[in-house]
């Protein structure tokens, strides 16, 4: 996770994502796994294990409205 200024904040290792096999899916809001991040502002960097692939859809829930937000294939400086 990086803050709004691209400063690395925290690394999350969520077991329910790491065991996800081929042709499986999961739908979660970030705050469902880390409640303290309910008001998080910044970016999430997803890193895949070598040779693996995945797809991402990013959603924002605000005042009862769900909006899809862009996902880019890039990462903040300082993220390995």
Foldseek 3Di string as FASTA:
>chain_A
DAAQVQHDDDDDDDPVVVVDDPPDDDDDDPCVVPVVCPPGHDDDDDDDDPPDDDDDWDWDADPNDIDTDDDDPDGGPPDD
